[in-house]
All heavy atoms as atom14 arrays in JSON, in Angstrom:
{
  "sequence": "AKNKNVVISLQGFVNRTQDKVCFPRNIILNYRKRLERKINTAFTVFS",
  "atom14_mask": [
    [1, 1, 1, 1, 1, 0, 0, 0, 0, 0, 0, 0, 0, 0],
    [1, 1, 1, 1, 1, 1, 1, 1, 1, 0, 0, 0, 0, 0],
    [1, 1, 1, 1, 1, 1, 1, 1, 0, 0, 0, 0, 0, 0],
    [1, 1, 1, 1, 1, 1, 1, 1, 1, 0, 0, 0, 0, 0],
    [1, 1, 1, 1, 1, 1, 1, 1, 0, 0, 0, 0, 0, 0],
    [1, 1, 1, 1, 1, 1, 1, 0, 0, 0, 0, 0, 0, 0],
    [1, 1, 1, 1, 1, 1, 1, 0, 0, 0, 0, 0, 0, 0],
    [1, 1, 1, 1, 1, 1, 1, 1, 0, 0, 0, 0, 0, 0],
    [1, 1, 1, 1, 1, 1, 0, 0, 0, 0, 0, 0, 0, 0],
    [1, 1, 1, 1, 1, 1, 1, 1, 0, 0, 0, 0, 0, 0],
    [1, 1, 1, 1, 1, 1, 1, 1, 1, 0, 0, 0, 0, 0],
    [1, 1, 1, 1, 0, 0, 0, 0, 0, 0, 0, 0, 0, 0],
    [1, 1, 1, 1, 1, 1, 1, 1, 1, 1, 1, 0, 0, 0],
    [1, 1, 1, 1, 1, 1, 1, 0, 0, 0, 0, 0, 0, 0],
    [1, 1, 1, 1, 1, 1, 1, 1, 0, 0, 0, 0, 0, 0],
    [1, 1, 1, 1, 1, 1, 1, 1, 1, 1, 1, 0, 0, 0],
    [1, 1, 1, 1, 1, 1, 1, 0, 0, 0, 0, 0, 0, 0],
    [1, 1, 1, 1, 1, 1, 1, 1, 1, 0, 0, 0, 0, 0],
    [1, 1, 1, 1, 1, 1, 1, 1, 0, 0, 0, 0, 0, 0],
    [1, 1, 1, 1, 1, 1, 1, 1, 1, 0, 0, 0, 0, 0],
    [1, 1, 1, 1, 1, 1, 1, 0, 0, 0, 0, 0, 0, 0],
    [1, 1, 1, 1, 1, 1, 0, 0, 0, 0, 0, 0, 0, 0],
    [1, 1, 1, 1, 1, 1, 1, 1, 1, 1, 1, 0, 0, 0],
    [1, 1, 1, 1, 1, 1, 1, 0, 0, 0, 0, 0, 0, 0],
    [1, 1, 1, 1, 1, 1, 1, 1, 1, 1, 1, 0, 0, 0],
    [1, 1, 1, 1, 1, 1, 1, 1, 0, 0, 0, 0, 0, 0],
    [1, 1, 1, 1, 1, 1, 1, 1, 0, 0, 0, 0, 0, 0],
    [1, 1, 1, 1, 1, 1, 1, 1, 0, 0, 0, 0, 0, 0],
    [1, 1, 1, 1, 1, 1, 1, 1, 0, 0, 0, 0, 0, 0],
    [1, 1, 1, 1, 1, 1, 1, 1, 0, 0, 0, 0, 0, 0],
    [1, 1, 1, 1, 1, 1, 1, 1, 1, 1, 1, 1, 0, 0],
    [1, 1, 1, 1, 1, 1, 1, 1, 1, 1, 1, 0, 0, 0],
    [1, 1, 1, 1, 1, 1, 1, 1, 1, 0, 0, 0, 0, 0],
    [1, 1, 1, 1, 1, 1, 1, 1, 1, 1, 1, 0, 0, 0],
    [1, 1, 1, 1, 1, 1, 1, 1, 0, 0, 0, 0, 0, 0],
    [1, 1, 1, 1, 1, 1, 1, 1, 1, 0, 0, 0, 0, 0],
    [1, 1, 1, 1, 1, 1, 1, 1, 1, 1, 1, 0, 0, 0],
    [1, 1, 1, 1, 1, 1, 1, 1, 1, 0, 0, 0, 0, 0],
    [1, 1, 1, 1, 1, 1, 1, 1, 0, 0, 0, 0, 0, 0],
    [1, 1, 1, 1, 1, 1, 1, 1, 0, 0, 0, 0, 0, 0],
    [1, 1, 1, 1, 1, 1, 1, 0, 0, 0, 0, 0, 0, 0],
    [1, 1, 1, 1, 1, 0, 0, 0, 0, 0, 0, 0, 0, 0],
    [1, 1, 1, 1, 1, 1, 1, 1, 1, 1, 1, 0, 0, 0],
    [1, 1, 1, 1, 1, 1, 1, 0, 0, 0, 0, 0, 0, 0],
    [1, 1, 1, 1, 1, 1, 1, 0, 0, 0, 0, 0, 0, 0],
    [1, 1, 1, 1, 1, 1, 1, 1, 1, 1, 1, 0, 0, 0],
    [1, 1, 1, 1, 1, 1, 0, 0, 0, 0, 0, 0, 0, 0]
  ],
  "atom14_positions": [
    [[136.57, -106.47, 115.65], [136.03, -107.64, 114.95], [134.53, -107.82, 115.17], [133.83, -108.36, 114.3], [136.78, -108.9, 115.37], [0.0, 0.0, 0.0], [0.0, 0.0, 0.0], [0.0, 0.0, 0.0], [0.0, 0.0, 0.0], [0.0, 0.0, 0.0], [0.0, 0.0, 0.0], [0.0, 0.0, 0.0], [0.0, 0.0, 0.0], [0.0, 0.0, 0.0]],
    [[134.01, -107.39, 116.31], [132.59, -107.57, 116.6], [131.74, -106.37, 116.2], [130.51, -106.41, 116.32], [132.4, -107.87, 118.09], [133.01, -109.2, 118.52], [132.74, -109.5, 119.98], [133.34, -110.85, 120.38], [133.07, -111.17, 121.82], [0.0, 0.0, 0.0], [0.0, 0.0, 0.0], [0.0, 0.0, 0.0], [0.0, 0.0, 0.0], [0.0, 0.0, 0.0]],
    [[132.38, -105.32, 115.72], [131.64, -104.13, 115.3], [130.94, -104.38, 113.96], [131.51, -105.0, 113.06], [132.56, -102.93, 115.15], [133.05, -102.4, 116.49], [133.38, -103.16, 117.38], [133.1, -101.09, 116.62], [0.0, 0.0, 0.0], [0.0, 0.0, 0.0], [0.0, 0.0, 0.0], [0.0, 0.0, 0.0], [0.0, 0.0, 0.0], [0.0, 0.0, 0.0]],
    [[129.74, -103.88, 113.83], [128.97, -104.06, 112.6], [129.2, -102.94, 111.59], [128.65, -102.98, 110.48], [127.48, -104.17, 112.94], [127.13, -105.41, 113.76], [125.65, -105.49, 114.03], [125.31, -106.75, 114.83], [123.85, -106.86, 115.11], [0.0, 0.0, 0.0], [0.0, 0.0, 0.0], [0.0, 0.0, 0.0], [0.0, 0.0, 0.0], [0.0, 0.0, 0.0]],
    [[129.97, -101.94, 111.99], [130.19, -100.79, 111.11], [131.59, -100.81, 110.49], [132.16, -99.77, 110.18], [129.99, -99.48, 111.87], [131.03, -99.28, 112.98], [131.58, -100.25, 113.5], [131.28, -98.03, 113.34], [0.0, 0.0, 0.0], [0.0, 0.0, 0.0], [0.0, 0.0, 0.0], [0.0, 0.0, 0.0], [0.0, 0.0, 0.0], [0.0, 0.0, 0.0]],
    [[132.14, -102.0, 110.29], [133.49, -102.15, 109.73], [133.41, -102.84, 108.37], [132.69, -103.83, 108.21], [134.39, -102.98, 110.68], [135.76, -103.21, 110.04], [134.54, -102.27, 112.02], [0.0, 0.0, 0.0], [0.0, 0.0, 0.0], [0.0, 0.0, 0.0], [0.0, 0.0, 0.0], [0.0, 0.0, 0.0], [0.0, 0.0, 0.0], [0.0, 0.0, 0.0]],
    [[134.17, -102.31, 107.41], [134.27, -102.95, 106.1], [135.74, -102.98, 105.71], [136.51, -102.06, 106.02], [133.44, -102.21, 105.03], [133.9, -100.77, 104.85], [133.47, -102.96, 103.7], [0.0, 0.0, 0.0], [0.0, 0.0, 0.0], [0.0, 0.0, 0.0], [0.0, 0.0, 0.0], [0.0, 0.0, 0.0], [0.0, 0.0, 0.0], [0.0, 0.0, 0.0]],
    [[136.14, -104.06, 105.05], [137.52, -104.24, 104.65], [137.59, -104.36, 103.13], [136.94, -105.23, 102.55], [138.14, -105.48, 105.31], [138.07, -105.35, 106.83], [139.57, -105.7, 104.84], [138.51, -106.59, 107.58], [0.0, 0.0, 0.0], [0.0, 0.0, 0.0], [0.0, 0.0, 0.0], [0.0, 0.0, 0.0], [0.0, 0.0, 0.0], [0.0, 0.0, 0.0]],
    [[138.35, -103.49, 102.5], [138.53, -103.53, 101.05], [139.76, -104.37, 100.71], [140.84, -104.15, 101.27], [138.69, -102.12, 100.48], [137.46, -101.44, 100.49], [0.0, 0.0, 0.0], [0.0, 0.0, 0.0], [0.0, 0.0, 0.0], [0.0, 0.0, 0.0], [0.0, 0.0, 0.0], [0.0, 0.0, 0.0], [0.0, 0.0, 0.0], [0.0, 0.0, 0.0]],
    [[139.58, -105.3, 99.8], [140.66, -106.21, 99.4], [140.92, -106.11, 97.91], [139.99, -105.99, 97.12], [140.29, -107.65, 99.76], [139.95, -107.94, 101.23], [139.46, -109.37, 101.39], [141.15, -107.68, 102.13], [0.0, 0.0, 0.0], [0.0, 0.0, 0.0], [0.0, 0.0, 0.0], [0.0, 0.0, 0.0], [0.0, 0.0, 0.0], [0.0, 0.0, 0.0]],
    [[142.2, -106.18, 97.54], [142.57, -106.26, 96.12], [143.09, -107.65, 95.76], [142.84, -108.16, 94.69], [143.65, -105.22, 95.79], [143.15, -103.8, 95.75], [144.13, -102.9, 95.03], [144.16, -102.84, 93.8], [144.94, -102.19, 95.78], [0.0, 0.0, 0.0], [0.0, 0.0, 0.0], [0.0, 0.0, 0.0], [0.0, 0.0, 0.0], [0.0, 0.0, 0.0]],
    [[143.86, -108.23, 96.67], [144.43, -109.55, 96.44], [144.75, -110.19, 97.76], [144.43, -109.66, 98.83], [0.0, 0.0, 0.0], [0.0, 0.0, 0.0], [0.0, 0.0, 0.0], [0.0, 0.0, 0.0], [0.0, 0.0, 0.0], [0.0, 0.0, 0.0], [0.0, 0.0, 0.0], [0.0, 0.0, 0.0], [0.0, 0.0, 0.0], [0.0, 0.0, 0.0]],
    [[145.39, -111.36, 97.71], [145.63, -112.13, 98.93], [147.09, -112.58, 98.98], [147.55, -113.31, 98.11], [144.7, -113.34, 98.99], [143.25, -112.96, 98.98], [142.52, -112.99, 97.79], [142.61, -112.55, 100.14], [141.18, -112.63, 97.77], [141.27, -112.19, 100.13], [140.56, -112.23, 98.95], [0.0, 0.0, 0.0], [0.0, 0.0, 0.0], [0.0, 0.0, 0.0]],
    [[147.79, -112.13, 100.03], [149.17, -112.54, 100.22], [149.26, -114.05, 100.42], [150.24, -114.68, 100.02], [149.78, -111.8, 101.43], [151.19, -112.31, 101.72], [149.81, -110.3, 101.17], [0.0, 0.0, 0.0], [0.0, 0.0, 0.0], [0.0, 0.0, 0.0], [0.0, 0.0, 0.0], [0.0, 0.0, 0.0], [0.0, 0.0, 0.0], [0.0, 0.0, 0.0]],
    [[148.22, -114.64, 101.01], [148.25, -116.08, 101.25], [148.2, -116.9, 99.97], [148.39, -118.12, 100.01], [147.1, -116.48, 102.19], [147.47, -116.3, 103.64], [148.23, -117.08, 104.18], [146.95, -115.26, 104.27], [0.0, 0.0, 0.0], [0.0, 0.0, 0.0], [0.0, 0.0, 0.0], [0.0, 0.0, 0.0], [0.0, 0.0, 0.0], [0.0, 0.0, 0.0]],
    [[147.93, -116.25, 98.86], [147.95, -116.95, 97.58], [149.3, -116.85, 96.88], [149.47, -117.36, 95.78], [146.86, -116.36, 96.65], [145.44, -116.7, 97.08], [145.23, -118.21, 97.1], [143.88, -118.59, 97.45], [142.91, -118.83, 96.59], [143.13, -118.71, 95.3], [141.71, -119.21, 97.02], [0.0, 0.0, 0.0], [0.0, 0.0, 0.0], [0.0, 0.0, 0.0]],
    [[150.26, -116.18, 97.53], [151.55, -116.0, 96.88], [152.25, -117.33, 96.67], [152.18, -118.23, 97.51], [152.46, -115.07, 97.69], [153.73, -114.98, 97.03], [152.71, -115.6, 99.09], [0.0, 0.0, 0.0], [0.0, 0.0, 0.0], [0.0, 0.0, 0.0], [0.0, 0.0, 0.0], [0.0, 0.0, 0.0], [0.0, 0.0, 0.0], [0.0, 0.0, 0.0]],
    [[152.92, -117.43, 95.55], [153.74, -118.61, 95.25], [155.22, -118.26, 95.39], [156.09, -118.99, 94.94], [153.44, -119.1, 93.83], [151.98, -119.47, 93.63], [151.67, -119.86, 92.21], [152.35, -120.67, 91.6], [150.62, -119.28, 91.66], [0.0, 0.0, 0.0], [0.0, 0.0, 0.0], [0.0, 0.0, 0.0], [0.0, 0.0, 0.0], [0.0, 0.0, 0.0]],
    [[155.48, -117.12, 96.01], [156.84, -116.64, 96.16], [157.61, -117.47, 97.18], [157.15, -117.69, 98.29], [156.79, -115.17, 96.63], [158.09, -114.43, 96.36], [158.98, -115.04, 95.74], [158.2, -113.26, 96.76], [0.0, 0.0, 0.0], [0.0, 0.0, 0.0], [0.0, 0.0, 0.0], [0.0, 0.0, 0.0], [0.0, 0.0, 0.0], [0.0, 0.0, 0.0]],
    [[158.78, -117.96, 96.81], [159.66, -118.66, 97.72], [160.78, -117.7, 98.12], [161.65, -117.4, 97.31], [160.24, -119.92, 97.06], [159.18, -120.95, 96.7], [159.79, -122.16, 96.03], [158.71, -123.18, 95.67], [159.29, -124.36, 94.98], [0.0, 0.0, 0.0], [0.0, 0.0, 0.0], [0.0, 0.0, 0.0], [0.0, 0.0, 0.0], [0.0, 0.0, 0.0]],
    [[160.71, -117.22, 99.36], [161.64, -116.19, 99.79], [162.55, -116.72, 100.89], [162.23, -117.69, 101.58], [160.89, -114.94, 100.29], [160.06, -114.35, 99.18], [159.99, -115.28, 101.48], [0.0, 0.0, 0.0], [0.0, 0.0, 0.0], [0.0, 0.0, 0.0], [0.0, 0.0, 0.0], [0.0, 0.0, 0.0], [0.0, 0.0, 0.0], [0.0, 0.0, 0.0]],
    [[163.68, -116.07, 101.03], [164.69, -116.49, 102.0], [164.71, -115.53, 103.19], [164.11, -114.45, 103.15], [166.07, -116.52, 101.33], [166.16, -117.66, 99.92], [0.0, 0.0, 0.0], [0.0, 0.0, 0.0], [0.0, 0.0, 0.0], [0.0, 0.0, 0.0], [0.0, 0.0, 0.0], [0.0, 0.0, 0.0], [0.0, 0.0, 0.0], [0.0, 0.0, 0.0]],
    [[165.4, -115.92, 104.21], [165.59, -115.09, 105.4], [166.32, -113.8, 105.0], [167.27, -113.85, 104.23], [166.41, -115.88, 106.42], [166.69, -115.12, 107.68], [165.77, -115.14, 108.72], [167.86, -114.4, 107.83], [166.03, -114.44, 109.9], [168.11, -113.69, 108.99], [167.2, -113.71, 110.02], [0.0, 0.0, 0.0], [0.0, 0.0, 0.0], [0.0, 0.0, 0.0]],
    [[165.91, -112.59, 105.51], [164.84, -112.37, 106.48], [163.48, -112.05, 105.86], [162.52, -111.87, 106.58], [165.36, -111.15, 107.24], [166.06, -110.34, 106.2], [166.71, -111.35, 105.28], [0.0, 0.0, 0.0], [0.0, 0.0, 0.0], [0.0, 0.0, 0.0], [0.0, 0.0, 0.0], [0.0, 0.0, 0.0], [0.0, 0.0, 0.0], [0.0, 0.0, 0.0]],
    [[163.4, -112.03, 104.53], [162.14, -111.64, 103.89], [161.03, -112.63, 104.21], [159.85, -112.25, 104.25], [162.32, -111.54, 102.37], [163.17, -110.35, 101.93], [163.29, -110.27, 100.41], [162.01, -110.01, 99.79], [161.37, -110.9, 99.02], [161.87, -112.1, 98.8], [160.22, -110.59, 98.47], [0.0, 0.0, 0.0], [0.0, 0.0, 0.0], [0.0, 0.0, 0.0]],
    [[161.38, -113.88, 104.45], [160.35, -114.87, 104.76], [159.65, -114.56, 106.08], [158.48, -114.89, 106.27], [160.94, -116.27, 104.77], [161.97, -116.46, 105.88], [162.74, -115.56, 106.17], [161.98, -117.64, 106.48], [0.0, 0.0, 0.0], [0.0, 0.0, 0.0], [0.0, 0.0, 0.0], [0.0, 0.0, 0.0], [0.0, 0.0, 0.0], [0.0, 0.0, 0.0]],
    [[160.36, -113.9, 107.01], [159.75, -113.55, 108.29], [158.64, -112.53, 108.07], [157.53, -112.66, 108.6], [160.81, -112.98, 109.25], [161.81, -114.08, 109.63], [160.16, -112.4, 110.5], [162.91, -113.62, 110.55], [0.0, 0.0, 0.0], [0.0, 0.0, 0.0], [0.0, 0.0, 0.0], [0.0, 0.0, 0.0], [0.0, 0.0, 0.0], [0.0, 0.0, 0.0]],
    [[158.93, -111.53, 107.26], [157.93, -110.5, 106.97], [156.75, -111.1, 106.21], [155.59, -110.84, 106.52], [158.56, -109.35, 106.15], [159.68, -108.67, 106.95], [157.5, -108.35, 105.74], [159.2, -107.98, 108.2], [0.0, 0.0, 0.0], [0.0, 0.0, 0.0], [0.0, 0.0, 0.0], [0.0, 0.0, 0.0], [0.0, 0.0, 0.0], [0.0, 0.0, 0.0]],
    [[157.05, -111.93, 105.2], [155.98, -112.53, 104.4], [155.09, -113.42, 105.26], [153.85, -113.36, 105.16], [156.57, -113.32, 103.24], [155.56, -113.99, 102.3], [154.64, -112.95, 101.67], [156.28, -114.79, 101.21], [0.0, 0.0, 0.0], [0.0, 0.0, 0.0], [0.0, 0.0, 0.0], [0.0, 0.0, 0.0], [0.0, 0.0, 0.0], [0.0, 0.0, 0.0]],
    [[155.69, -114.21, 106.11], [154.9, -115.1, 106.97], [154.05, -114.3, 107.95], [152.92, -114.68, 108.26], [155.81, -116.07, 107.71], [156.42, -117.11, 106.79], [155.86, -117.41, 105.73], [157.56, -117.67, 107.17], [0.0, 0.0, 0.0], [0.0, 0.0, 0.0], [0.0, 0.0, 0.0], [0.0, 0.0, 0.0], [0.0, 0.0, 0.0], [0.0, 0.0, 0.0]],
    [[154.6, -113.2, 108.44], [153.81, -112.35, 109.34], [152.61, -111.77, 108.59], [151.49, -111.74, 109.11], [154.67, -111.21, 109.89], [153.86, -110.18, 110.66], [153.56, -110.37, 111.99], [153.36, -109.05, 110.02], [152.79, -109.45, 112.69], [152.6, -108.14, 110.7], [152.32, -108.34, 112.04], [151.54, -107.43, 112.71], [0.0, 0.0, 0.0], [0.0, 0.0, 0.0]],
    [[152.84, -111.3, 107.38], [151.75, -110.71, 106.59], [150.67, -111.76, 106.31], [149.47, -111.45, 106.37], [152.29, -110.15, 105.27], [153.22, -108.96, 105.43], [153.75, -108.49, 104.1], [152.71, -107.88, 103.3], [152.83, -107.63, 102.0], [153.94, -107.96, 101.35], [151.84, -107.06, 101.34], [0.0, 0.0, 0.0], [0.0, 0.0, 0.0], [0.0, 0.0, 0.0]],
    [[151.09, -112.98, 106.01], [150.12, -114.06, 105.77], [149.3, -114.33, 107.03], [148.08, -114.51, 106.96], [150.85, -115.33, 105.33], [151.39, -115.28, 103.91], [152.04, -116.61, 103.54], [152.47, -116.63, 102.09], [153.05, -117.93, 101.69], [0.0, 0.0, 0.0], [0.0, 0.0, 0.0], [0.0, 0.0, 0.0], [0.0, 0.0, 0.0], [0.0, 0.0, 0.0]],
    [[149.98, -114.39, 108.17], [149.28, -114.66, 109.43], [148.28, -113.55, 109.74], [147.13, -113.82, 110.13], [150.29, -114.79, 110.57], [149.66, -115.07, 111.93], [150.7, -115.1, 113.04], [151.28, -113.79, 113.28], [150.71, -112.85, 114.04], [149.53, -113.06, 114.6], [151.32, -111.71, 114.24], [0.0, 0.0, 0.0], [0.0, 0.0, 0.0], [0.0, 0.0, 0.0]],
    [[148.71, -112.31, 109.56], [147.84, -111.17, 109.85], [146.64, -111.17, 108.9], [145.49, -110.97, 109.33], [148.62, -109.87, 109.71], [147.86, -108.58, 109.96], [147.32, -108.53, 111.4], [148.75, -107.36, 109.69], [0.0, 0.0, 0.0], [0.0, 0.0, 0.0], [0.0, 0.0, 0.0], [0.0, 0.0, 0.0], [0.0, 0.0, 0.0], [0.0, 0.0, 0.0]],
    [[146.88, -111.4, 107.62], [145.8, -111.42, 106.64], [144.8, -112.52, 106.98], [143.58, -112.29, 106.94], [146.38, -111.65, 105.25], [145.33, -111.73, 104.15], [145.94, -112.09, 102.81], [146.24, -113.29, 102.6], [146.12, -111.18, 101.99], [0.0, 0.0, 0.0], [0.0, 0.0, 0.0], [0.0, 0.0, 0.0], [0.0, 0.0, 0.0], [0.0, 0.0, 0.0]],
    [[145.29, -113.7, 107.31], [144.41, -114.82, 107.64], [143.58, -114.52, 108.88], [142.37, -114.81, 108.93], [145.25, -116.09, 107.85], [144.45, -117.38, 107.88], [145.36, -118.57, 108.08], [146.38, -118.66, 107.03], [147.68, -118.49, 107.24], [148.13, -118.21, 108.45], [148.53, -118.59, 106.24], [0.0, 0.0, 0.0], [0.0, 0.0, 0.0], [0.0, 0.0, 0.0]],
    [[144.21, -113.91, 109.87], [143.54, -113.57, 111.12], [142.4, -112.59, 110.88], [141.27, -112.78, 111.36], [144.55, -112.97, 112.09], [143.99, -112.55, 113.43], [145.11, -111.98, 114.31], [144.6, -111.56, 115.67], [145.71, -111.02, 116.52], [0.0, 0.0, 0.0], [0.0, 0.0, 0.0], [0.0, 0.0, 0.0], [0.0, 0.0, 0.0], [0.0, 0.0, 0.0]],
    [[142.67, -111.54, 110.1], [141.67, -110.51, 109.85], [140.57, -111.01, 108.94], [139.37, -110.83, 109.2], [142.34, -109.24, 109.27], [143.23, -108.59, 110.33], [141.29, -108.26, 108.75], [144.05, -107.42, 109.83], [0.0, 0.0, 0.0], [0.0, 0.0, 0.0], [0.0, 0.0, 0.0], [0.0, 0.0, 0.0], [0.0, 0.0, 0.0], [0.0, 0.0, 0.0]],
    [[140.95, -111.68, 107.85], [139.94, -112.13, 106.89], [139.04, -113.22, 107.45], [137.94, -113.45, 106.95], [140.61, -112.63, 105.61], [141.23, -111.5, 104.81], [141.04, -110.32, 105.13], [141.97, -111.84, 103.78], [0.0, 0.0, 0.0], [0.0, 0.0, 0.0], [0.0, 0.0, 0.0], [0.0, 0.0, 0.0], [0.0, 0.0, 0.0], [0.0, 0.0, 0.0]],
    [[139.51, -113.89, 108.49], [138.68, -114.9, 109.15], [137.77, -114.27, 110.2], [136.63, -114.7, 110.39], [139.56, -115.98, 109.81], [140.36, -116.6, 108.8], [138.72, -117.05, 110.49], [0.0, 0.0, 0.0], [0.0, 0.0, 0.0], [0.0, 0.0, 0.0], [0.0, 0.0, 0.0], [0.0, 0.0, 0.0], [0.0, 0.0, 0.0], [0.0, 0.0, 0.0]],
    [[138.27, -113.25, 110.89], [137.53, -112.65, 112.0], [136.4, -111.73, 111.54], [135.4, -111.57, 112.23], [138.48, -111.87, 112.9], [0.0, 0.0, 0.0], [0.0, 0.0, 0.0], [0.0, 0.0, 0.0], [0.0, 0.0, 0.0], [0.0, 0.0, 0.0], [0.0, 0.0, 0.0], [0.0, 0.0, 0.0], [0.0, 0.0, 0.0], [0.0, 0.0, 0.0]],
    [[136.55, -111.12, 110.35], [135.57, -110.14, 109.9], [134.63, -110.74, 108.86], [134.93, -111.75, 108.21], [136.28, -108.9, 109.36], [136.92, -108.07, 110.45], [138.14, -108.42, 110.98], [136.27, -106.96, 110.96], [138.73, -107.67, 112.0], [136.84, -106.21, 111.98], [138.07, -106.56, 112.5], [0.0, 0.0, 0.0], [0.0, 0.0, 0.0], [0.0, 0.0, 0.0]],
    [[133.49, -110.07, 108.68], [132.43, -110.65, 107.84], [131.97, -109.76, 106.69], [131.22, -110.21, 105.83], [131.19, -110.97, 108.7], [130.7, -109.76, 109.3], [131.54, -111.98, 109.8], [0.0, 0.0, 0.0], [0.0, 0.0, 0.0], [0.0, 0.0, 0.0], [0.0, 0.0, 0.0], [0.0, 0.0, 0.0], [0.0, 0.0, 0.0], [0.0, 0.0, 0.0]],
    [[132.4, -108.51, 106.66], [131.94, -107.57, 105.63], [133.16, -107.07, 104.85], [134.11, -106.52, 105.44], [131.17, -106.39, 106.24], [130.7, -105.44, 105.13], [129.98, -106.89, 107.05], [0.0, 0.0, 0.0], [0.0, 0.0, 0.0], [0.0, 0.0, 0.0], [0.0, 0.0, 0.0], [0.0, 0.0, 0.0], [0.0, 0.0, 0.0], [0.0, 0.0, 0.0]],
    [[133.11, -107.23, 103.53], [134.24, -106.87, 102.68], [133.75, -106.13, 101.44], [132.58, -106.2, 101.08], [135.01, -108.12, 102.26], [135.61, -108.89, 103.4], [134.86, -109.83, 104.09], [136.91, -108.66, 103.79], [135.4, -110.53, 105.15], [137.47, -109.36, 104.85], [136.71, -110.29, 105.54], [0.0, 0.0, 0.0], [0.0, 0.0, 0.0], [0.0, 0.0, 0.0]],
    [[134.68, -105.44, 100.79], [134.38, -104.85, 99.48], [135.48, -105.25, 98.51], [136.65, -105.31, 98.88], [134.27, -103.33, 99.57], [135.54, -102.71, 99.7], [0.0, 0.0, 0.0], [0.0, 0.0, 0.0], [0.0, 0.0, 0.0], [0.0, 0.0, 0.0], [0.0, 0.0, 0.0], [0.0, 0.0, 0.0], [0.0, 0.0, 0.0], [0.0, 0.0, 0.0]]
  ]
}
């Protein structure tokens, strides 16, 4: 996260999903949202 030589390419955002999913798929979806939010907040350079 603190490296200046990192770039992240994005196509879309899981956190924008309007999908209402049930167990166990909701566990995976929530994990993906958490991971995406963590990375997209921690890093500063994107494509």
